[in-house]
Amino acid sequence: MTQLAIDLPFLPAYGRADFLVSGCNAAALARIDSWPDWPGRALVLHGPAGSGKSHLAQLWRERSGATLIAGKALAEHDPSALAASPGVVVDDAERASEQALLHLFNCSRESGAGQLIIARAAPAIWPIALPDLASRLRATETVGIGPPDDSLLAAVLVKHFADRQLRVEPEIIAYLVPRMERSFAAATALAARLDRLALIAKRPVGLALARQALAELGG
């Protein structure tokens, strides 16, 4: 019989010491750490899925007392009320209503609230219809997170496994890194798959499970 796996919730570690620094994200971390020294008290942070944007947003929220709002829900909130807080994080900003995002820019400028705009792509390539919003975004400092190198990819895997309380030996990490897709999202998916396979098999993660996870994920 196949052992049923029960997906239990886990909490990623979002402390300052838990952020893994490499050449691809050092500039982004430096700009978060430089708050409130942001031109216009606003910053656009962009990068691929799983690259640590949410982690950086949490670090900034702890420093600034900012409110977090999903881009797709921005139009449901009063921009002046949001701008009354010390700061606002707009996550998945590409999915926000352009009119709502423009209103938030204007209200935040009037109130002096900080703004952290989070997106996967740089605003320069967004298909923006409102000229005023395009102008606001062009005038806002932008910092990006690039693809991970091998050392960061290995560290990201270790962190994902640690967040899931899953012990994986260094030789397994060394086996996975050169064979997996080179992305943060792939590291997240691989850790989740190995966690589930280990739970089903009721054994620690070894080479056999590592090979199976890579095969199932197309690695």
Protein backbone atom coordinates (compact mmCIF):
# COMPACT_ATOMS: atom_id res chain seq x y z
CA MET A 1 0.00 0.00 0.00
CA THR A 2 1.12 3.57 -0.69
CA GLN A 3 1.73 5.62 2.43
CA LEU A 4 -0.51 8.69 2.48
CA ALA A 5 1.40 11.93 2.92
CA ILE A 6 -0.13 14.67 5.04
CA ASP A 7 0.91 18.18 4.06
CA LEU A 8 1.59 20.04 7.29
CA PRO A 9 2.01 23.82 7.30
CA PHE A 10 5.50 25.20 7.80
CA LEU A 11 6.69 28.72 8.54
CA PRO A 12 9.62 30.09 6.54
CA ALA A 13 12.20 31.96 8.59
CA TYR A 14 12.05 35.66 7.68
CA GLY A 15 14.61 37.11 10.08
CA ARG A 16 17.45 39.40 9.00
CA ALA A 17 20.02 36.64 9.61
CA ASP A 18 17.95 34.21 7.52
CA PHE A 19 18.34 36.22 4.31
CA LEU A 20 20.98 34.55 2.12
CA VAL A 21 23.21 37.15 0.49
CA SER A 22 24.99 36.71 -2.83
CA GLY A 23 25.99 38.86 -5.76
CA CYS A 24 22.52 38.59 -7.30
CA ASN A 25 20.68 40.14 -4.33
CA ALA A 26 23.24 42.19 -2.37
CA ALA A 27 22.16 45.46 -3.98
CA ALA A 28 18.50 44.81 -3.14
CA LEU A 29 19.31 44.07 0.49
CA ALA A 30 21.48 47.19 0.70
CA ARG A 31 18.60 49.38 -0.49
CA ILE A 32 16.20 47.83 2.04
CA ASP A 33 18.78 48.43 4.77
CA SER A 34 19.21 52.04 3.65
CA TRP A 35 15.62 53.00 4.57
CA PRO A 36 14.55 55.79 5.04
CA ASP A 37 17.20 57.09 2.65
CA TRP A 38 15.13 56.39 -0.47
CA PRO A 39 14.63 59.14 -3.07
CA GLY A 40 10.97 60.13 -2.84
CA ARG A 41 10.59 57.54 -0.04
CA ALA A 42 9.75 54.91 -2.68
CA LEU A 43 11.45 51.84 -4.14
CA VAL A 44 10.55 49.27 -6.79
CA LEU A 45 11.93 45.78 -6.10
CA HIS A 46 11.70 43.21 -8.89
CA GLY A 47 12.93 39.65 -9.34
CA PRO A 48 11.85 36.12 -10.24
CA ALA A 49 9.51 33.98 -8.16
CA GLY A 50 11.10 32.63 -4.99
CA SER A 51 14.02 35.07 -5.12
CA GLY A 52 13.44 36.54 -1.66
CA LYS A 53 11.28 39.57 -2.48
CA SER A 54 8.77 38.65 0.25
CA HIS A 55 11.62 38.18 2.72
CA LEU A 56 12.99 41.64 1.92
CA ALA A 57 9.48 43.10 2.16
CA GLN A 58 9.11 41.61 5.64
CA LEU A 59 12.46 43.09 6.70
CA TRP A 60 11.34 46.51 5.46
CA ARG A 61 7.98 46.22 7.20
CA GLU A 62 9.80 45.55 10.47
CA ARG A 63 11.92 48.67 9.94
CA SER A 64 9.15 50.97 8.72
CA GLY A 65 5.90 49.69 10.22
CA ALA A 66 4.45 49.38 6.72
CA THR A 67 1.19 47.74 5.68
CA LEU A 68 1.18 44.89 3.14
CA ILE A 69 -1.42 44.81 0.37
CA ALA A 70 -1.74 42.42 -2.59
CA GLY A 71 -1.69 44.18 -5.93
CA LYS A 72 -4.92 42.56 -7.13
CA ALA A 73 -6.71 43.83 -4.00
CA LEU A 74 -5.38 47.38 -4.13
CA ALA A 75 -8.48 48.80 -5.85
CA GLU A 76 -10.63 47.55 -2.95
CA HIS A 77 -8.89 49.86 -0.46
CA ASP A 78 -8.94 53.60 0.12
CA PRO A 79 -5.51 54.89 -0.99
CA SER A 80 -5.63 57.77 1.45
CA ALA A 81 -6.21 55.33 4.34
CA LEU A 82 -3.30 53.17 3.19
CA ALA A 83 -1.08 56.23 2.88
CA ALA A 84 -1.95 57.21 6.45
CA SER A 85 0.25 54.34 7.66
CA PRO A 86 4.06 54.77 7.87
CA GLY A 87 4.47 52.82 4.65
CA VAL A 88 2.82 50.49 2.14
CA VAL A 89 4.10 47.35 0.43
CA VAL A 90 2.29 46.52 -2.81
CA ASP A 91 2.99 42.87 -3.65
CA ASP A 92 2.53 41.56 -7.22
CA ALA A 93 2.18 45.15 -8.33
CA GLU A 94 1.76 44.16 -11.99
CA ARG A 95 -1.66 42.84 -11.01
CA ALA A 96 -2.78 46.10 -9.44
CA SER A 97 -5.28 48.45 -11.02
CA GLU A 98 -3.27 51.21 -12.70
CA GLN A 99 -5.68 53.84 -11.39
CA ALA A 100 -5.42 52.48 -7.83
CA LEU A 101 -1.63 52.37 -7.98
CA LEU A 102 -1.49 55.93 -9.30
CA HIS A 103 -3.80 57.13 -6.51
CA LEU A 104 -1.58 55.41 -3.95
CA PHE A 105 1.51 57.13 -5.37
CA ASN A 106 -0.21 60.51 -5.11
CA CYS A 107 -1.58 59.96 -1.61
CA SER A 108 1.74 58.61 -0.33
CA ARG A 109 3.57 61.61 -1.72
CA GLU A 110 1.18 63.94 0.10
CA SER A 111 1.36 62.04 3.40
CA GLY A 112 5.06 61.18 3.28
CA ALA A 113 4.38 57.44 3.59
CA GLY A 114 7.03 55.06 2.29
CA GLN A 115 6.28 52.79 -0.64
CA LEU A 116 7.78 49.44 -1.62
CA ILE A 117 6.49 48.20 -4.96
CA ILE A 118 7.20 44.50 -5.55
CA ALA A 119 7.00 42.89 -8.98
CA ARG A 120 8.53 40.10 -11.03
CA ALA A 121 9.56 42.37 -13.90
CA ALA A 122 11.04 45.85 -14.00
CA PRO A 123 8.37 48.56 -14.55
CA ALA A 124 10.11 49.62 -17.76
CA ILE A 125 8.63 46.57 -19.50
CA TRP A 126 5.14 46.72 -17.96
CA PRO A 127 2.38 47.49 -20.50
CA ILE A 128 1.24 50.65 -18.70
CA ALA A 129 -1.66 52.57 -20.22
CA LEU A 130 -1.73 55.57 -17.85
CA PRO A 131 1.02 58.07 -18.75
CA ASP A 132 1.02 59.57 -15.24
CA LEU A 133 1.63 56.17 -13.67
CA ALA A 134 4.39 55.39 -16.17
CA SER A 135 6.00 58.71 -15.27
CA ARG A 136 5.78 57.99 -11.51
CA LEU A 137 7.37 54.57 -11.95
CA ARG A 138 10.15 55.89 -14.19
CA ALA A 139 11.00 58.43 -11.50
CA THR A 140 11.11 55.77 -8.76
CA GLU A 141 14.38 54.07 -7.87
CA THR A 142 14.40 50.45 -9.05
CA VAL A 143 16.52 47.52 -7.84
CA GLY A 144 16.42 43.96 -9.12
CA ILE A 145 17.35 40.45 -8.00
CA GLY A 146 19.12 38.33 -10.60
CA PRO A 147 19.32 34.55 -11.13
CA PRO A 148 21.11 32.58 -8.38
CA ASP A 149 24.65 31.28 -8.70
CA ASP A 150 25.56 27.74 -7.55
CA SER A 151 26.54 28.75 -4.02
CA LEU A 152 23.33 30.68 -3.46
CA LEU A 153 21.21 27.93 -5.02
CA ALA A 154 22.75 25.44 -2.61
CA ALA A 155 22.15 27.78 0.34
CA VAL A 156 18.54 28.33 -0.75
CA LEU A 157 17.95 24.57 -0.83
CA VAL A 158 19.45 24.23 2.65
CA LYS A 159 17.16 26.99 3.93
CA HIS A 160 14.06 25.44 2.36
CA PHE A 161 14.89 22.08 3.92
CA ALA A 162 15.57 23.72 7.28
CA ASP A 163 12.24 25.59 7.11
CA ARG A 164 10.57 22.19 6.59
CA GLN A 165 12.65 20.60 9.38
CA LEU A 166 14.00 18.15 6.81
CA ARG A 167 17.58 16.99 7.29
CA VAL A 168 19.51 16.64 4.02
CA GLU A 169 23.21 15.79 3.93
CA PRO A 170 25.66 18.08 2.10
CA GLU A 171 26.46 15.43 -0.51
CA ILE A 172 22.79 15.37 -1.54
CA ILE A 173 22.80 19.16 -1.97
CA ALA A 174 25.97 18.83 -4.04
CA TYR A 175 24.23 16.21 -6.18
CA LEU A 176 21.09 18.30 -6.72
CA VAL A 177 22.56 21.71 -7.57
CA PRO A 178 24.22 20.90 -10.92
CA ARG A 179 21.24 18.81 -12.06
CA MET A 180 18.29 21.05 -11.20
CA GLU A 181 16.76 23.96 -13.08
CA ARG A 182 18.70 27.13 -12.34
CA SER A 183 16.02 29.16 -10.60
CA PHE A 184 14.70 30.10 -7.17
CA ALA A 185 11.28 28.68 -8.06
CA ALA A 186 12.84 25.32 -8.92
CA ALA A 187 14.58 25.21 -5.53
CA THR A 188 11.24 25.81 -3.81
CA ALA A 189 9.51 23.09 -5.85
CA LEU A 190 12.36 20.61 -5.34
CA ALA A 191 12.39 21.06 -1.57
CA ALA A 192 8.62 20.60 -1.41
CA ARG A 193 8.76 17.48 -3.58
CA LEU A 194 11.58 15.89 -1.58
CA ASP A 195 9.75 16.66 1.67
CA ARG A 196 6.69 14.85 0.38
CA LEU A 197 8.66 11.88 -1.02
CA ALA A 198 10.51 11.45 2.28
CA LEU A 199 7.20 11.52 4.15
CA ILE A 200 5.69 8.90 1.84
CA ALA A 201 8.78 6.67 1.95
CA LYS A 202 9.28 7.20 5.71
CA ARG A 203 13.03 7.51 5.25
CA PRO A 204 15.64 10.27 5.10
CA VAL A 205 16.42 12.00 1.82
CA GLY A 206 19.11 10.02 0.00
CA LEU A 207 20.30 9.73 -3.57
CA ALA A 208 17.38 7.54 -4.61
CA LEU A 209 14.79 10.11 -3.49
CA ALA A 210 16.90 12.94 -4.93
CA ARG A 211 16.97 11.21 -8.34
CA GLN A 212 13.23 10.54 -8.16
CA ALA A 213 12.41 14.17 -7.30
CA LEU A 214 14.59 15.48 -10.12
CA ALA A 215 12.98 13.06 -12.59
CA GLU A 216 9.46 14.03 -11.52
CA LEU A 217 10.29 17.72 -11.85
CA GLY A 218 11.99 17.32 -15.19
CA GLY A 219 15.57 17.65 -13.93
